[in-house]
Protein backbone atom coordinates (compact mmCIF):
# COMPACT_ATOMS: atom_id res chain seq x y z
CA MET A 1 27.28 38.53 40.20
CA SER A 2 29.32 38.96 43.38
CA GLU A 3 31.56 36.16 44.51
CA ARG A 4 31.20 34.80 48.01
CA CYS A 5 34.13 35.67 50.21
CA VAL A 6 35.77 33.24 52.63
CA TYR A 7 37.73 34.38 55.66
CA THR A 8 39.93 31.73 57.27
CA VAL A 9 41.64 31.79 60.65
CA THR A 10 44.12 28.97 61.26
CA ALA A 11 45.53 28.36 64.71
CA GLU A 12 48.28 25.99 65.81
CA PHE A 13 48.64 25.09 69.49
CA ASP A 14 51.52 23.86 71.61
CA ASP A 15 49.13 22.47 74.24
CA GLU A 16 46.12 20.21 73.69
CA HIS A 17 44.31 21.71 76.70
CA VAL A 18 44.55 25.21 75.24
CA LEU A 19 43.20 23.88 71.94
CA ASP A 20 40.26 22.30 73.79
CA GLU A 21 39.56 25.63 75.55
CA TRP A 22 39.70 27.48 72.23
CA LEU A 23 37.27 25.04 70.58
CA ALA A 24 34.86 25.41 73.50
CA TRP A 25 35.08 29.21 73.24
CA LEU A 26 34.26 29.00 69.53
CA ARG A 27 31.25 26.74 70.14
CA ASP A 28 30.04 28.68 73.17
CA GLY A 29 29.62 31.94 71.34
CA HIS A 30 32.36 33.22 69.09
CA LEU A 31 31.10 31.48 65.94
CA ALA A 32 27.60 32.85 66.58
CA ASP A 33 29.03 36.32 67.22
CA VAL A 34 30.81 36.34 63.84
CA ARG A 35 27.64 35.08 62.11
CA ALA A 36 25.63 37.82 63.85
CA ALA A 37 28.21 40.31 62.55
CA GLY A 38 27.67 39.29 58.92
CA ALA A 39 29.04 35.82 58.17
CA LEU A 40 26.60 33.56 56.35
CA ASP A 41 27.98 30.44 58.04
CA SER A 42 31.04 29.02 59.71
CA GLU A 43 32.82 25.71 60.04
CA VAL A 44 35.68 24.47 62.18
CA ILE A 45 38.17 21.98 60.78
CA ARG A 46 40.67 19.99 62.81
CA TRP A 47 43.36 18.96 60.37
CA GLU A 48 44.49 15.36 60.18
CA GLY A 49 48.21 14.88 60.06
CA ALA A 50 48.80 18.33 61.55
CA GLU A 51 49.05 17.97 65.31
CA ARG A 52 46.94 20.53 67.20
CA CYS A 53 46.00 22.61 64.14
CA CYS A 54 42.51 23.93 63.37
CA SER A 55 41.01 26.32 60.86
CA VAL A 56 37.78 28.25 60.98
CA HIS A 57 36.14 29.23 57.69
CA TYR A 58 33.59 32.03 57.64
CA HIS A 59 31.65 32.72 54.43
CA PHE A 60 30.41 36.21 53.58
CA ALA A 61 28.00 37.14 50.80
CA ASP A 62 30.68 39.16 49.01
CA ARG A 63 33.79 41.27 49.54
CA ASP A 64 31.69 44.27 50.64
CA ALA A 65 30.03 42.24 53.39
CA PHE A 66 33.44 41.09 54.59
CA ALA A 67 34.76 44.67 54.50
CA ALA A 68 31.83 45.79 56.67
CA TYR A 69 32.60 42.97 59.11
CA GLU A 70 36.27 43.96 59.27
CA ARG A 71 35.44 47.62 59.78
CA ASP A 72 32.55 47.34 62.22
CA HIS A 73 33.03 44.12 64.18
CA ALA A 74 36.39 42.39 63.69
CA PRO A 75 38.45 44.67 65.98
CA ARG A 76 36.21 43.92 68.98
CA LEU A 77 35.92 40.20 68.26
CA ARG A 78 39.64 39.78 67.59
CA GLU A 79 40.51 41.65 70.78
CA GLU A 80 38.28 39.31 72.80
CA GLY A 81 40.00 36.29 71.27
CA ILE A 82 43.51 37.61 71.77
CA GLN A 83 42.76 38.46 75.41
CA LEU A 84 41.70 34.87 76.07
CA PHE A 85 44.16 33.15 73.72
CA PRO A 86 47.27 35.29 73.26
CA PRO A 87 50.35 33.98 71.44
CA SER A 88 52.04 33.72 74.86
CA ARG A 89 49.81 30.67 75.50
CA GLY A 90 51.58 28.83 72.68
CA ILE A 91 49.22 29.75 69.83
CA ARG A 92 50.20 30.81 66.33
CA TYR A 93 47.55 32.43 64.12
CA ARG A 94 47.31 32.87 60.35
CA ARG A 95 44.50 34.67 58.58
CA GLY A 96 43.53 34.67 54.93
CA VAL A 97 40.78 35.97 52.66
CA GLY A 98 39.71 34.62 49.30
CA VAL A 99 36.77 34.14 46.98
CA VAL A 100 34.78 30.96 46.43
CA VAL A 101 35.30 29.84 42.82
CA GLY A 102 33.59 26.50 42.85
């Protein structure tokens, strides 16, 4: 049986207003775009105790589904995000991929 794959993007912001813009952009279409490109679901977490830090978790059916997303859709979607929210706006990004084990 294939293990579900989780792709996480964590972003830390210097400015609360930029964070609010980013969250609105996620809600207004980006989350749906990633789901349309293969993610089973998505969730946004605003971390307590970590000022202006959020993570987005996207679940994919398996590693192959995530690989197809990365190959066919991620470059376009990432480019859109980086155009709107580049590091020069005080944003630091981290990305990670893992498997769901429980």
